[in-house]
Amino acid sequence: MKSETLDKVISENHTIKVLAERNGLLLSLTTKTYSYLVFLSKPFVGVRRIVTKDRIVAKAGYDIQRTLKLIEKIYGRGGL
């Protein structure tokens, strides 16, 4: 198992995806075009919309804080 996914619960097999880690919970509703990310975490509580094909959560190593930083870097402070 990769070290970046240790101590995390990851479910990516359906339209609704879940990432649970010590910093919080990330729920994703994924369509062909967009993913709607619901953050319930220490650094952020709210919703962000991203382009599905960008695979931002995977690129951020399934880490909520890195995911938020990558969204901000790619889409700007408010996201899409």
N, C-alpha and C. Protein backbone atom coordinates (compact mmCIF):
# COMPACT_ATOMS: atom_id res chain seq x y z
N MET A 1 0.84 -1.18 0.00
CA MET A 1 0.00 0.00 0.00
C MET A 1 0.88 1.25 0.00
N LYS A 2 0.51 2.25 -0.78
CA LYS A 2 1.29 3.48 -0.85
C LYS A 2 1.22 4.23 0.46
N SER A 3 2.31 4.87 0.83
CA SER A 3 2.36 5.61 2.09
C SER A 3 1.38 6.78 2.11
N GLU A 4 1.07 7.35 0.94
CA GLU A 4 0.16 8.50 0.90
C GLU A 4 -1.28 8.10 1.21
N THR A 5 -1.61 6.82 1.11
CA THR A 5 -2.97 6.38 1.39
C THR A 5 -3.10 5.63 2.72
N LEU A 6 -2.03 5.54 3.48
CA LEU A 6 -2.10 4.91 4.80
C LEU A 6 -2.98 5.75 5.72
N ASP A 7 -3.69 5.12 6.61
CA ASP A 7 -4.55 5.79 7.59
C ASP A 7 -5.67 6.59 6.94
N LYS A 8 -6.10 6.19 5.74
CA LYS A 8 -7.19 6.88 5.04
C LYS A 8 -8.17 5.85 4.53
N VAL A 9 -9.41 6.27 4.41
CA VAL A 9 -10.43 5.44 3.79
C VAL A 9 -10.76 6.09 2.46
N ILE A 10 -10.61 5.33 1.39
CA ILE A 10 -10.83 5.86 0.04
C ILE A 10 -11.79 4.93 -0.69
N SER A 11 -12.86 5.50 -1.22
CA SER A 11 -13.80 4.74 -2.04
C SER A 11 -14.00 5.50 -3.33
N GLU A 12 -13.55 4.93 -4.46
CA GLU A 12 -13.62 5.62 -5.74
C GLU A 12 -14.39 4.83 -6.80
N ASN A 13 -15.18 3.86 -6.41
CA ASN A 13 -15.78 2.96 -7.38
C ASN A 13 -17.13 3.41 -7.92
N HIS A 14 -17.67 4.50 -7.47
CA HIS A 14 -19.00 4.93 -7.87
C HIS A 14 -19.03 6.42 -8.18
N THR A 15 -20.22 6.90 -8.54
CA THR A 15 -20.41 8.32 -8.81
C THR A 15 -20.12 9.16 -7.58
N ILE A 16 -20.46 8.64 -6.41
CA ILE A 16 -20.16 9.33 -5.15
C ILE A 16 -18.89 8.71 -4.59
N LYS A 17 -17.89 9.54 -4.36
CA LYS A 17 -16.60 9.06 -3.86
C LYS A 17 -16.35 9.65 -2.48
N VAL A 18 -15.60 8.93 -1.67
CA VAL A 18 -15.36 9.33 -0.29
C VAL A 18 -13.87 9.24 0.02
N LEU A 19 -13.37 10.27 0.70
CA LEU A 19 -12.02 10.27 1.26
C LEU A 19 -12.15 10.69 2.71
N ALA A 20 -11.80 9.79 3.61
CA ALA A 20 -11.83 10.10 5.04
C ALA A 20 -10.41 9.99 5.57
N GLU A 21 -9.98 11.01 6.27
CA GLU A 21 -8.64 11.03 6.87
C GLU A 21 -8.72 11.80 8.18
N ARG A 22 -7.61 11.89 8.88
CA ARG A 22 -7.64 12.53 10.20
C ARG A 22 -8.00 14.02 10.14
N ASN A 23 -7.77 14.68 9.00
CA ASN A 23 -8.11 16.10 8.87
C ASN A 23 -9.56 16.34 8.50
N GLY A 24 -10.30 15.27 8.17
CA GLY A 24 -11.69 15.47 7.85
C GLY A 24 -12.22 14.50 6.81
N LEU A 25 -13.24 14.95 6.11
CA LEU A 25 -13.95 14.11 5.16
C LEU A 25 -14.13 14.90 3.86
N LEU A 26 -13.94 14.21 2.74
CA LEU A 26 -14.15 14.80 1.43
C LEU A 26 -15.10 13.89 0.67
N LEU A 27 -16.25 14.43 0.27
CA LEU A 27 -17.22 13.70 -0.54
C LEU A 27 -17.20 14.30 -1.93
N SER A 28 -17.29 13.45 -2.94
CA SER A 28 -17.26 13.92 -4.31
C SER A 28 -18.41 13.32 -5.10
N LEU A 29 -19.18 14.16 -5.77
CA LEU A 29 -20.19 13.72 -6.71
C LEU A 29 -19.60 13.96 -8.09
N THR A 30 -19.36 12.90 -8.82
CA THR A 30 -18.62 12.99 -10.08
C THR A 30 -19.53 12.76 -11.27
N THR A 31 -19.48 13.69 -12.22
CA THR A 31 -20.16 13.53 -13.51
C THR A 31 -19.08 13.45 -14.58
N LYS A 32 -19.48 13.29 -15.83
CA LYS A 32 -18.48 13.22 -16.91
C LYS A 32 -17.69 14.52 -17.02
N THR A 33 -18.32 15.64 -16.74
CA THR A 33 -17.68 16.94 -16.92
C THR A 33 -17.08 17.50 -15.64
N TYR A 34 -17.86 17.52 -14.57
CA TYR A 34 -17.43 18.16 -13.33
C TYR A 34 -17.50 17.21 -12.14
N SER A 35 -16.68 17.51 -11.14
CA SER A 35 -16.77 16.86 -9.84
C SER A 35 -17.10 17.95 -8.83
N TYR A 36 -18.08 17.68 -8.00
CA TYR A 36 -18.48 18.60 -6.94
C TYR A 36 -17.94 18.03 -5.64
N LEU A 37 -17.01 18.76 -5.04
CA LEU A 37 -16.31 18.29 -3.84
C LEU A 37 -16.90 18.97 -2.61
N VAL A 38 -17.34 18.18 -1.66
CA VAL A 38 -17.86 18.70 -0.39
C VAL A 38 -16.82 18.41 0.68
N PHE A 39 -16.26 19.47 1.23
CA PHE A 39 -15.22 19.37 2.25
C PHE A 39 -15.84 19.56 3.63
N LEU A 40 -15.59 18.64 4.52
CA LEU A 40 -15.94 18.75 5.93
C LEU A 40 -14.64 18.49 6.68
N SER A 41 -13.80 19.52 6.76
CA SER A 41 -12.45 19.31 7.26
C SER A 41 -11.99 20.47 8.13
N LYS A 42 -10.86 20.26 8.79
CA LYS A 42 -10.28 21.32 9.62
C LYS A 42 -9.92 22.56 8.81
N PRO A 43 -9.25 22.39 7.64
CA PRO A 43 -8.87 23.60 6.92
C PRO A 43 -10.03 24.28 6.20
N PHE A 44 -11.12 23.55 5.88
CA PHE A 44 -12.17 24.15 5.06
C PHE A 44 -13.46 23.35 5.17
N VAL A 45 -14.57 24.07 5.29
CA VAL A 45 -15.89 23.46 5.20
C VAL A 45 -16.60 24.19 4.07
N GLY A 46 -16.97 23.45 3.03
CA GLY A 46 -17.63 24.06 1.89
C GLY A 46 -17.59 23.18 0.67
N VAL A 47 -17.96 23.77 -0.47
CA VAL A 47 -18.07 23.04 -1.73
C VAL A 47 -17.18 23.68 -2.78
N ARG A 48 -16.55 22.86 -3.59
CA ARG A 48 -15.76 23.32 -4.74
C ARG A 48 -16.16 22.47 -5.94
N ARG A 49 -16.16 23.08 -7.12
CA ARG A 49 -16.42 22.36 -8.36
C ARG A 49 -15.14 22.36 -9.18
N ILE A 50 -14.78 21.19 -9.69
CA ILE A 50 -13.57 21.08 -10.50
C ILE A 50 -13.90 20.29 -11.77
N VAL A 51 -13.02 20.36 -12.75
CA VAL A 51 -13.15 19.57 -13.96
C VAL A 51 -12.73 18.13 -13.63
N THR A 52 -13.59 17.17 -13.91
CA THR A 52 -13.36 15.78 -13.54
C THR A 52 -12.04 15.24 -14.08
N LYS A 53 -11.74 15.53 -15.34
CA LYS A 53 -10.54 14.96 -15.96
C LYS A 53 -9.24 15.48 -15.35
N ASP A 54 -9.30 16.53 -14.54
CA ASP A 54 -8.09 17.07 -13.89
C ASP A 54 -7.55 16.13 -12.80
N ARG A 55 -8.38 15.26 -12.26
CA ARG A 55 -7.98 14.27 -11.25
C ARG A 55 -7.18 14.90 -10.10
N ILE A 56 -7.66 16.01 -9.60
CA ILE A 56 -6.94 16.79 -8.60
C ILE A 56 -6.73 16.03 -7.29
N VAL A 57 -7.72 15.31 -6.83
CA VAL A 57 -7.57 14.59 -5.55
C VAL A 57 -6.46 13.55 -5.66
N ALA A 58 -6.41 12.82 -6.75
CA ALA A 58 -5.34 11.83 -6.95
C ALA A 58 -3.99 12.52 -7.08
N LYS A 59 -3.92 13.62 -7.82
CA LYS A 59 -2.65 14.36 -7.97
C LYS A 59 -2.16 14.91 -6.64
N ALA A 60 -3.09 15.20 -5.74
CA ALA A 60 -2.73 15.74 -4.42
C ALA A 60 -2.42 14.63 -3.43
N GLY A 61 -2.34 13.40 -3.91
CA GLY A 61 -1.98 12.30 -3.03
C GLY A 61 -3.06 11.93 -2.03
N TYR A 62 -4.32 12.16 -2.39
CA TYR A 62 -5.45 11.84 -1.51
C TYR A 62 -5.29 12.50 -0.15
N ASP A 63 -4.90 13.77 -0.17
CA ASP A 63 -4.72 14.57 1.04
C ASP A 63 -5.61 15.80 0.92
N ILE A 64 -6.46 16.03 1.89
CA ILE A 64 -7.44 17.11 1.81
C ILE A 64 -6.77 18.47 1.72
N GLN A 65 -5.78 18.75 2.56
CA GLN A 65 -5.12 20.06 2.53
C GLN A 65 -4.41 20.29 1.19
N ARG A 66 -3.72 19.28 0.68
CA ARG A 66 -3.05 19.43 -0.62
C ARG A 66 -4.06 19.58 -1.75
N THR A 67 -5.21 18.91 -1.62
CA THR A 67 -6.26 19.04 -2.62
C THR A 67 -6.75 20.49 -2.68
N LEU A 68 -7.00 21.08 -1.52
CA LEU A 68 -7.44 22.48 -1.47
C LEU A 68 -6.40 23.42 -2.08
N LYS A 69 -5.14 23.20 -1.76
CA LYS A 69 -4.07 24.04 -2.31
C LYS A 69 -3.96 23.89 -3.82
N LEU A 70 -4.12 22.68 -4.32
CA LEU A 70 -4.03 22.45 -5.76
C LEU A 70 -5.23 23.07 -6.49
N ILE A 71 -6.41 22.98 -5.91
CA ILE A 71 -7.59 23.62 -6.51
C ILE A 71 -7.36 25.13 -6.59
N GLU A 72 -6.85 25.72 -5.52
CA GLU A 72 -6.59 27.16 -5.51
C GLU A 72 -5.54 27.54 -6.55
N LYS A 73 -4.52 26.71 -6.69
CA LYS A 73 -3.46 26.99 -7.66
C LYS A 73 -4.00 26.91 -9.09
N ILE A 74 -4.82 25.91 -9.39
CA ILE A 74 -5.31 25.70 -10.75
C ILE A 74 -6.48 26.63 -11.08
N TYR A 75 -7.44 26.77 -10.17
CA TYR A 75 -8.68 27.49 -10.46
C TYR A 75 -8.78 28.85 -9.81
N GLY A 76 -7.88 29.17 -8.89
CA GLY A 76 -7.98 30.43 -8.16
C GLY A 76 -8.66 30.21 -6.82
N ARG A 77 -8.73 31.25 -6.04
CA ARG A 77 -9.21 31.14 -4.66
C ARG A 77 -10.64 30.60 -4.54
N GLY A 78 -11.53 30.97 -5.40
CA GLY A 78 -12.92 30.54 -5.31
C GLY A 78 -13.24 29.27 -6.09
N GLY A 79 -12.29 28.78 -6.83
CA GLY A 79 -12.55 27.60 -7.67
C GLY A 79 -13.31 28.00 -8.92
N LEU A 80 -13.95 27.02 -9.54
CA LEU A 80 -14.73 27.29 -10.76
C LEU A 80 -15.99 28.03 -10.46
